[in-house]
Amino acid sequence: MADRLTQLQDAVNSLADQFCNAIGVLQQCGPPASFSNIQTSINKDQPANPTEEYAQLFAALIARTAKDIDVLIDSLPSEESTAALQAASLYKLEEENHEAATCLEDVVYRGDMLLEKIQSALADIAQSQLKTRSGTHSQSLSDS
């Protein structure tokens, strides 16, 4: 994952590409301009150019990219963010991290205690089953 500045640079590059592509397509599809002192014959049978569709498409792409750039700019740290504010924020995050670590240690301890109880119960069940089987096996041997 790229950092925010790299994402912002990529978005600006994408916007520049979209502007260049839009201008190129509009130049290619645009009708020729008539000059008053030069007579040119324009073929009236030419199919209609999809210039309007291209204009809408590129306008939507450019607008979406501009919104993305605005979001990226808004996500950058502000100028008011001083080293002291960042240090205080980091200190607060460290405290939250220590609290979460303590809570996690408590949960792990309780899980270990529960695991020991379950293992003890399973061992008791296994012992009981062995005694029952050995008692049944001994009985069947003495009955024979």
Protein backbone atom coordinates (compact mmCIF):
# COMPACT_ATOMS: atom_id res chain seq x y z
CA MET A 1 0.00 0.00 0.00
CA ALA A 2 1.43 3.33 -1.03
CA ASP A 3 1.55 6.27 1.33
CA ARG A 4 -0.83 9.21 0.92
CA LEU A 5 1.66 11.44 -0.90
CA THR A 6 2.34 8.73 -3.48
CA GLN A 7 -1.40 8.18 -3.91
CA LEU A 8 -1.85 11.93 -4.36
CA GLN A 9 0.93 12.08 -6.96
CA ASP A 10 -0.61 9.12 -8.82
CA ALA A 11 -4.01 10.84 -8.80
CA VAL A 12 -2.53 14.09 -10.14
CA ASN A 13 -0.72 12.13 -12.87
CA SER A 14 -3.98 10.36 -13.72
CA LEU A 15 -5.76 13.71 -13.93
CA ALA A 16 -3.08 15.03 -16.29
CA ASP A 17 -3.48 11.91 -18.47
CA GLN A 18 -7.23 12.40 -18.56
CA PHE A 19 -6.86 16.05 -19.59
CA CYS A 20 -4.43 15.11 -22.38
CA ASN A 21 -6.66 12.28 -23.60
CA ALA A 22 -9.75 14.50 -23.51
CA ILE A 23 -8.07 17.22 -25.54
CA GLY A 24 -6.74 14.69 -28.06
CA VAL A 25 -10.10 12.99 -28.56
CA LEU A 26 -11.94 16.28 -28.81
CA GLN A 27 -9.44 17.52 -31.40
CA GLN A 28 -9.81 14.29 -33.36
CA CYS A 29 -13.61 14.23 -33.29
CA GLY A 30 -14.32 17.95 -33.39
CA PRO A 31 -15.76 19.45 -36.56
CA PRO A 32 -13.36 21.51 -38.63
CA ALA A 33 -13.56 25.25 -38.16
CA SER A 34 -14.30 27.42 -41.15
CA PHE A 35 -12.16 30.41 -41.90
CA SER A 36 -13.70 33.38 -43.67
CA ASN A 37 -10.95 33.83 -46.26
CA ILE A 38 -10.39 30.10 -46.97
CA GLN A 39 -13.10 28.11 -48.68
CA THR A 40 -13.20 24.43 -47.78
CA SER A 41 -15.70 21.88 -48.81
CA ILE A 42 -17.19 19.96 -45.96
CA ASN A 43 -18.71 16.62 -46.73
CA LYS A 44 -22.29 16.87 -45.52
CA ASP A 45 -22.65 13.06 -45.55
CA GLN A 46 -20.17 12.53 -42.71
CA PRO A 47 -21.64 10.60 -39.78
CA ALA A 48 -22.38 12.56 -36.63
CA ASN A 49 -19.39 12.76 -34.30
CA PRO A 50 -19.85 11.39 -30.79
CA THR A 51 -18.14 14.50 -29.41
CA GLU A 52 -20.88 15.11 -26.84
CA GLU A 53 -20.57 11.56 -25.47
CA TYR A 54 -16.80 11.93 -25.17
CA ALA A 55 -17.17 15.29 -23.49
CA GLN A 56 -19.53 13.79 -20.88
CA LEU A 57 -17.29 10.78 -20.37
CA PHE A 58 -14.14 12.82 -19.85
CA ALA A 59 -15.98 15.35 -17.69
CA ALA A 60 -17.14 12.51 -15.40
CA LEU A 61 -13.63 10.98 -15.24
CA ILE A 62 -12.00 14.33 -14.52
CA ALA A 63 -14.58 15.22 -11.87
CA ARG A 64 -14.18 11.85 -10.12
CA THR A 65 -10.38 12.14 -10.13
CA ALA A 66 -10.61 15.70 -8.79
CA LYS A 67 -12.83 14.45 -5.94
CA ASP A 68 -10.31 11.70 -5.19
CA ILE A 69 -7.56 14.31 -5.07
CA ASP A 70 -9.64 16.43 -2.66
CA VAL A 71 -10.15 13.42 -0.39
CA LEU A 72 -6.43 12.64 -0.42
CA ILE A 73 -5.54 16.25 0.35
CA ASP A 74 -8.03 16.32 3.24
CA SER A 75 -6.48 13.15 4.66
CA LEU A 76 -3.02 14.72 4.85
CA PRO A 77 -1.92 16.02 8.26
CA SER A 78 -2.75 19.66 8.80
CA GLU A 79 -0.22 22.41 9.40
CA GLU A 80 -1.49 22.77 12.97
CA SER A 81 -0.23 19.25 13.66
CA THR A 82 2.93 20.03 15.60
CA ALA A 83 5.46 17.60 16.97
CA ALA A 84 4.00 18.05 20.45
CA LEU A 85 0.50 17.15 19.23
CA GLN A 86 1.84 14.13 17.39
CA ALA A 87 3.78 13.02 20.48
CA ALA A 88 0.65 13.38 22.63
CA SER A 89 -1.33 11.37 20.10
CA LEU A 90 1.34 8.66 20.05
CA TYR A 91 1.41 8.59 23.87
CA LYS A 92 -2.37 8.14 23.94
CA LEU A 93 -2.13 5.34 21.38
CA GLU A 94 0.58 3.65 23.46
CA GLU A 95 -1.64 3.79 26.55
CA GLU A 96 -4.53 2.27 24.61
CA ASN A 97 -2.15 -0.40 23.31
CA HIS A 98 -1.00 -1.26 26.85
CA GLU A 99 -4.61 -1.48 28.03
CA ALA A 100 -5.46 -3.77 25.14
CA ALA A 101 -2.37 -5.89 25.86
CA THR A 102 -3.37 -6.23 29.54
CA CYS A 103 -6.89 -7.23 28.52
CA LEU A 104 -5.49 -9.75 26.04
CA GLU A 105 -3.18 -11.24 28.68
CA ASP A 106 -6.16 -11.62 31.03
CA VAL A 107 -8.22 -13.35 28.34
CA VAL A 108 -5.32 -15.67 27.48
CA TYR A 109 -4.84 -16.53 31.19
CA ARG A 110 -8.54 -17.33 31.58
CA GLY A 111 -8.39 -19.39 28.38
CA ASP A 112 -5.42 -21.34 29.71
CA MET A 113 -7.27 -22.02 32.98
CA LEU A 114 -10.33 -23.20 31.05
CA LEU A 115 -8.13 -25.39 28.85
CA GLU A 116 -6.59 -27.04 31.93
CA LYS A 117 -10.06 -27.74 33.35
CA ILE A 118 -11.20 -29.23 30.06
CA GLN A 119 -8.06 -31.37 29.78
CA SER A 120 -8.52 -32.55 33.37
CA ALA A 121 -12.16 -33.43 32.68
CA LEU A 122 -11.17 -35.30 29.51
CA ALA A 123 -8.51 -37.21 31.44
CA ASP A 124 -11.10 -38.16 34.09
CA ILE A 125 -13.50 -39.30 31.36
CA ALA A 126 -10.76 -41.34 29.69
CA GLN A 127 -9.83 -42.94 33.05
CA SER A 128 -13.45 -43.77 33.75
CA GLN A 129 -13.85 -45.33 30.31
CA LEU A 130 -10.67 -47.39 30.78
CA LYS A 131 -11.86 -48.60 34.19
CA THR A 132 -15.27 -49.46 32.76
CA ARG A 133 -13.76 -51.31 29.80
CA SER A 134 -11.21 -53.12 31.93
CA GLY A 135 -13.97 -54.03 34.40
CA THR A 136 -16.19 -55.29 31.58
CA HIS A 137 -13.28 -57.11 29.98
CA SER A 138 -12.34 -58.71 33.33
CA GLN A 139 -15.93 -59.72 33.92
CA SER A 140 -16.26 -61.32 30.51
CA LEU A 141 -13.05 -63.27 31.07
CA SER A 142 -14.23 -64.53 34.47
CA ASP A 143 -17.64 -65.48 32.98
CA SER A 144 -15.91 -67.64 30.38
